[in-house]
């Protein structure tokens, strides 16, 4: 039932709001308990989240699932302890559903929808809004003042802080203890990407993209995802997305795990015109703002 529903509701440019609606409507949440009087809690929650729900169906498990997701992304306090238990269950079940949605988008060749769906998975892992929150909020020591101060210096992501030389970190922090930020940054991987286009061994007329990934923060020994707002332990994984953002076409998708170093390859489309505008995009399955884009034409 769930897969057929996905097929009829997902398109080439599906929005985050619609993906959340589709996710919440999955049959996995049919049995989510809506206890006596909980429609009142749901009504109160619905007034504090960005996306509207059907106020005539506040006793529906799928509406409750939608509200729990939005409360998680908004870091709202939940009304009763039962909701905390329900949220853990909903988050845990959502991973498999979102991965199925990503597969459907990728198999259809829809770049924009695939990436939006990946952002939804990052949101589930981090308890943040992709389009409303700075990824700096993934750092436990972050505050509104610090987000604002870093923003004025052009820093809006954890990735940018990781890329800064250590000596520069204290300069941009203006009095905030650099040791605290440095400690928090150790939770996150810094991934270096090296690419090379090669002629395929099998077929002389085609080309493949040789991809080397390496974690640069050598003192970080774990591949465990840093996701304190997600209820279960999860390992990091990465997507390699080959596509053309200008026409939103996706040519290939590969999901990889990276413990230290990895060498892999992806076949490039055989039509030479496709090289124009083609990019390789590296995305995390658990961290916001860790995207890296590379133009194939410039290799």
Protein backbone atom coordinates (compact mmCIF):
# COMPACT_ATOMS: atom_id res chain seq x y z
CA UNK A 1 0.00 0.00 0.00
CA UNK A 2 2.72 2.45 0.98
CA UNK A 3 4.75 2.05 -2.24
CA UNK A 4 1.71 2.51 -4.50
CA UNK A 5 0.79 5.65 -2.54
CA UNK A 6 4.31 7.01 -3.03
CA UNK A 7 4.11 6.39 -6.77
CA UNK A 8 0.92 8.36 -7.18
CA UNK A 9 1.96 11.30 -4.98
CA UNK A 10 5.65 11.87 -5.72
CA UNK A 11 6.66 13.86 -8.80
CA UNK A 12 9.83 15.38 -10.30
CA UNK A 13 9.72 18.48 -8.06
CA UNK A 14 7.90 17.41 -4.89
CA UNK A 15 8.19 19.90 -2.02
CA UNK A 16 9.40 19.16 1.50
CA UNK A 17 5.89 19.80 2.84
CA UNK A 18 4.36 17.25 0.46
CA UNK A 19 7.07 14.68 1.26
CA UNK A 20 6.31 15.09 4.97
CA UNK A 21 2.61 14.59 4.22
CA UNK A 22 3.38 11.43 2.20
CA UNK A 23 5.67 10.11 4.94
CA UNK A 24 3.05 10.70 7.64
CA UNK A 25 0.44 8.95 5.50
CA UNK A 26 2.45 5.71 5.30
CA UNK A 27 0.64 2.54 6.39
CA UNK A 28 3.34 1.96 9.04
CA UNK A 29 1.60 4.65 11.12
CA UNK A 30 -1.92 3.19 10.85
CA UNK A 31 -1.60 1.80 14.38
CA UNK A 32 -0.04 4.88 16.02
CA UNK A 33 -2.15 5.29 19.18
CA UNK A 34 -4.42 8.32 19.48
CA UNK A 35 -5.63 8.08 23.07
CA UNK A 36 -8.65 9.64 24.74
CA UNK A 37 -8.55 13.48 24.53
CA UNK A 38 -5.28 13.49 22.56
CA UNK A 39 -7.01 15.39 19.75
CA UNK A 40 -6.82 18.39 22.13
CA UNK A 41 -3.03 18.01 22.43
CA UNK A 42 -2.85 17.64 18.64
CA UNK A 43 -4.85 20.82 18.17
CA UNK A 44 -2.47 22.73 20.47
CA UNK A 45 0.56 21.33 18.59
CA UNK A 46 -0.98 22.23 15.22
CA UNK A 47 -0.95 25.91 16.23
CA UNK A 48 2.81 25.85 16.85
CA UNK A 49 4.14 24.09 13.72
CA UNK A 50 4.83 25.59 10.27
CA UNK A 51 2.82 23.22 8.06
CA UNK A 52 -0.97 23.00 8.33
CA UNK A 53 -2.74 19.72 9.06
CA UNK A 54 -6.40 18.79 8.61
CA UNK A 55 -8.08 20.17 11.75
CA UNK A 56 -11.10 17.95 11.14
CA UNK A 57 -8.93 14.84 11.58
CA UNK A 58 -7.02 15.58 14.77
CA UNK A 59 -7.87 12.10 16.07
CA UNK A 60 -6.26 10.47 13.00
CA UNK A 61 -2.94 8.61 13.59
CA UNK A 62 -1.43 10.02 10.38
CA UNK A 63 -2.21 13.61 11.38
CA UNK A 64 -0.63 12.89 14.77
CA UNK A 65 2.46 11.42 13.04
CA UNK A 66 2.76 14.60 10.95
CA UNK A 67 2.54 16.77 14.08
CA UNK A 68 5.12 14.64 15.91
CA UNK A 69 7.58 15.04 13.01
CA UNK A 70 7.04 18.81 12.92
CA UNK A 71 7.40 19.06 16.70
CA UNK A 72 10.69 17.11 16.42
CA UNK A 73 12.05 19.45 13.72
CA UNK A 74 10.91 22.52 15.70
CA UNK A 75 12.24 21.09 19.00
CA UNK A 76 8.91 21.75 20.69
CA UNK A 77 8.23 20.44 24.16
CA UNK A 78 5.80 17.52 23.88
CA UNK A 79 2.63 17.70 26.01
CA UNK A 80 2.86 14.33 27.81
CA UNK A 81 5.36 11.48 28.20
CA UNK A 82 3.27 9.21 25.93
CA UNK A 83 4.09 11.58 23.06
CA UNK A 84 7.82 11.16 23.73
CA UNK A 85 7.39 7.38 23.39
CA UNK A 86 5.24 7.83 20.26
CA UNK A 87 7.81 10.16 18.69
CA UNK A 88 10.61 7.61 19.21
CA UNK A 89 8.50 4.97 17.46
CA UNK A 90 7.60 7.30 14.56
CA UNK A 91 11.23 8.41 14.03
CA UNK A 92 12.51 4.85 14.15
CA UNK A 93 10.02 3.63 11.53
CA UNK A 94 10.51 6.65 9.28
CA UNK A 95 14.07 5.82 8.16
CA UNK A 96 13.08 2.82 6.05
CA UNK A 97 10.11 4.70 4.54
CA UNK A 98 12.20 7.73 3.54
CA UNK A 99 14.85 5.47 2.00
CA UNK A 100 12.11 3.81 -0.07
CA UNK A 101 10.93 7.26 -1.21
CA UNK A 102 14.51 8.18 -2.19
CA UNK A 103 14.75 4.96 -4.25
CA UNK A 104 11.50 5.78 -6.06
CA UNK A 105 12.71 9.33 -6.88
CA UNK A 106 16.13 8.11 -8.02
CA UNK A 107 14.68 5.31 -10.17
CA UNK A 108 12.47 7.92 -11.84
CA UNK A 109 15.52 10.13 -12.55
CA UNK A 110 14.18 13.04 -10.48
CA UNK A 111 17.15 14.98 -9.05
CA UNK A 112 15.25 17.71 -7.20
CA UNK A 113 12.84 15.33 -5.44
CA UNK A 114 15.65 12.90 -4.58
CA UNK A 115 17.67 15.62 -2.86
CA UNK A 116 14.62 17.07 -1.06
CA UNK A 117 13.88 13.60 0.29
CA UNK A 118 17.50 13.23 1.45
CA UNK A 119 17.10 16.53 3.30
CA UNK A 120 14.02 15.08 5.02
CA UNK A 121 16.12 12.16 6.29
CA UNK A 122 18.76 14.61 7.59
CA UNK A 123 15.96 16.50 9.40
CA UNK A 124 14.73 13.30 11.05
CA UNK A 125 18.26 12.50 12.23
CA UNK A 126 19.04 15.99 13.58
CA UNK A 127 15.66 17.31 14.75
CA UNK A 128 16.05 20.50 12.69
CA UNK A 129 14.34 22.09 9.69
CA UNK A 130 16.52 21.98 6.56
CA UNK A 131 15.00 25.14 5.08
CA UNK A 132 14.48 27.13 8.29
CA UNK A 133 17.38 26.32 10.65
CA UNK A 134 21.11 26.89 10.37
CA UNK A 135 23.05 23.63 10.37
CA UNK A 136 25.15 25.27 13.11
CA UNK A 137 22.39 24.14 15.49
CA UNK A 138 23.79 20.61 15.19
CA UNK A 139 26.55 21.79 17.56
CA UNK A 140 25.47 21.28 21.21
CA UNK A 141 27.12 24.54 22.35
CA UNK A 142 25.35 26.71 19.74
CA UNK A 143 23.28 29.75 20.76
CA UNK A 144 21.21 32.32 18.86
CA UNK A 145 23.83 35.00 19.52
CA UNK A 146 26.63 32.80 18.18
CA UNK A 147 24.61 31.81 15.07
CA UNK A 148 24.00 35.52 14.41
CA UNK A 149 27.65 36.49 15.06
CA UNK A 150 29.01 33.74 12.77
CA UNK A 151 26.41 34.62 10.11
CA UNK A 152 27.78 38.18 9.97
CA UNK A 153 31.18 36.67 9.11
CA UNK A 154 29.67 34.56 6.32
CA UNK A 155 29.66 31.30 8.30
CA UNK A 156 26.34 29.48 8.24
CA UNK A 157 27.27 25.79 8.38
CA UNK A 158 29.25 23.26 10.40
CA UNK A 159 31.07 22.35 7.18
CA UNK A 160 32.47 25.90 6.94
CA UNK A 161 33.74 25.74 10.54
CA UNK A 162 35.40 22.37 9.85
CA UNK A 163 37.17 23.86 6.84
CA UNK A 164 38.59 26.79 8.86
CA UNK A 165 42.21 26.51 10.01
CA UNK A 166 42.27 26.09 13.80
CA UNK A 167 44.07 29.41 14.22
CA UNK A 168 41.16 31.23 12.52
CA UNK A 169 38.43 29.71 14.67
CA UNK A 170 39.15 31.92 17.72
CA UNK A 171 39.14 35.01 15.47
CA UNK A 172 35.62 34.37 14.17
CA UNK A 173 34.27 33.41 17.60
CA UNK A 174 34.88 36.79 19.26
CA UNK A 175 35.25 35.75 22.87
CA UNK A 176 33.29 32.50 22.78
CA UNK A 177 35.55 29.68 24.04
CA UNK A 178 37.17 28.08 20.98
CA UNK A 179 37.78 24.91 22.99
CA UNK A 180 34.02 24.28 23.24
CA UNK A 181 33.47 24.69 19.51
CA UNK A 182 36.54 22.56 18.73
CA UNK A 183 35.24 19.84 21.03
CA UNK A 184 31.82 19.87 19.32
CA UNK A 185 33.40 19.86 15.85
CA UNK A 186 35.18 16.58 16.68
CA UNK A 187 31.79 14.85 16.41
CA UNK A 188 31.65 15.56 12.66
CA UNK A 189 33.60 14.13 9.70
CA UNK A 190 35.55 16.27 7.26
CA UNK A 191 35.43 14.49 3.91
CA UNK A 192 37.83 15.20 1.04
CA UNK A 193 36.68 14.30 -2.47
CA UNK A 194 39.02 13.63 -5.42
CA UNK A 195 37.57 12.94 -8.87
CA UNK A 196 38.98 11.79 -12.20
CA UNK A 197 37.21 10.98 -15.47
CA UNK A 198 38.52 7.80 -17.11
CA UNK A 199 37.70 5.81 -20.23
CA UNK A 200 35.81 2.68 -19.27
CA UNK A 201 37.82 -0.55 -19.56
CA UNK A 202 34.90 -2.50 -20.95
CA UNK A 203 33.58 -0.16 -23.61
CA UNK A 204 35.96 2.25 -25.31
CA UNK A 205 33.22 4.77 -26.09
CA UNK A 206 32.10 5.37 -22.53
CA UNK A 207 33.61 7.12 -19.53
CA UNK A 208 33.46 6.51 -15.82
CA UNK A 209 34.05 8.81 -12.88
CA UNK A 210 36.72 7.58 -10.48
CA UNK A 211 35.88 8.81 -6.96
CA UNK A 212 38.20 8.88 -3.94
CA UNK A 213 36.78 9.83 -0.55
CA UNK A 214 38.88 10.35 2.56
CA UNK A 215 38.13 11.54 6.09
CA UNK A 216 40.58 14.29 6.91
CA UNK A 217 40.10 14.60 10.68
CA UNK A 218 42.30 11.66 11.55
CA UNK A 219 41.70 11.95 15.31
CA UNK A 220 38.03 11.06 14.77
CA UNK A 221 37.95 7.27 14.94
CA UNK A 222 34.23 6.60 14.72
CA UNK A 223 31.70 6.34 11.88
CA UNK A 224 28.86 6.55 14.37
CA UNK A 225 26.49 9.36 13.44
CA UNK A 226 26.36 12.27 15.84
CA UNK A 227 22.59 12.64 16.17
CA UNK A 228 21.69 13.29 19.82
CA UNK A 229 18.04 14.03 18.97
CA UNK A 230 17.53 10.69 17.19
CA UNK A 231 16.53 7.86 19.57
CA UNK A 232 18.70 5.07 18.10
CA UNK A 233 22.37 4.57 17.31
CA UNK A 234 23.10 4.86 13.59
CA UNK A 235 26.22 4.75 11.43
CA UNK A 236 26.96 7.52 8.95
CA UNK A 237 26.38 6.88 5.27
CA UNK A 238 26.86 9.06 2.21
CA UNK A 239 25.15 9.43 -1.15
CA UNK A 240 27.02 10.06 -4.36
CA UNK A 241 24.54 11.70 -6.71
CA UNK A 242 25.34 12.17 -10.39
CA UNK A 243 22.94 14.60 -12.00
CA UNK A 244 22.29 17.85 -13.81
CA UNK A 245 20.75 20.54 -11.57
CA UNK A 246 19.94 22.76 -14.60
CA UNK A 247 17.35 20.28 -15.93
CA UNK A 248 16.90 18.36 -12.63
CA UNK A 249 17.87 15.01 -14.17
CA UNK A 250 19.44 12.30 -12.02
CA UNK A 251 21.70 9.84 -13.87
CA UNK A 252 23.07 7.66 -11.06
CA UNK A 253 22.93 7.27 -7.29
CA UNK A 254 25.27 5.35 -5.01
CA UNK A 255 25.08 4.95 -1.23
CA UNK A 256 28.40 4.34 0.49
CA UNK A 257 29.84 3.93 3.97
CA UNK A 258 33.12 5.63 4.75
CA UNK A 259 35.24 4.50 7.68
CA UNK A 260 38.49 6.15 6.61
CA UNK A 261 39.06 5.99 2.83
CA UNK A 262 37.04 4.75 -0.10
CA UNK A 263 37.64 4.36 -3.84
CA UNK A 264 34.64 3.76 -6.08
CA UNK A 265 33.39 4.73 -9.53
CA UNK A 266 30.21 5.68 -11.37
CA UNK A 267 29.48 5.30 -15.08
CA UNK A 268 28.90 8.60 -16.90
CA UNK A 269 25.97 8.84 -19.34
CA UNK A 270 27.07 7.99 -22.88
CA UNK A 271 25.60 11.11 -24.52
CA UNK A 272 28.39 13.73 -24.68
CA UNK A 273 25.92 16.67 -24.39
CA UNK A 274 25.04 15.46 -20.90
CA UNK A 275 28.46 16.54 -19.59
CA UNK A 276 27.33 20.17 -19.86
CA UNK A 277 25.94 21.06 -16.43
CA UNK A 278 26.56 17.59 -14.98
CA UNK A 279 27.66 17.48 -11.35
CA UNK A 280 28.63 14.98 -8.72
CA UNK A 281 27.01 15.85 -5.39
CA UNK A 282 28.10 14.28 -2.11
CA UNK A 283 25.37 14.28 0.56
CA UNK A 284 25.31 12.97 4.10
CA UNK A 285 22.38 10.82 5.23
CA UNK A 286 22.50 12.35 8.72
CA UNK A 287 24.08 15.84 8.69
CA UNK A 288 22.59 19.06 7.33
CA UNK A 289 24.72 21.36 5.18
CA UNK A 290 27.44 18.83 4.34
CA UNK A 291 26.84 18.88 0.58
CA UNK A 292 29.77 19.12 -1.82
CA UNK A 293 29.22 19.75 -5.55
CA UNK A 294 31.71 19.17 -8.35
CA UNK A 295 31.29 20.05 -12.02
CA UNK A 296 32.20 17.09 -14.26
CA UNK A 297 33.01 19.39 -17.18
CA UNK A 298 35.82 21.04 -15.20
CA UNK A 299 37.63 17.76 -14.42
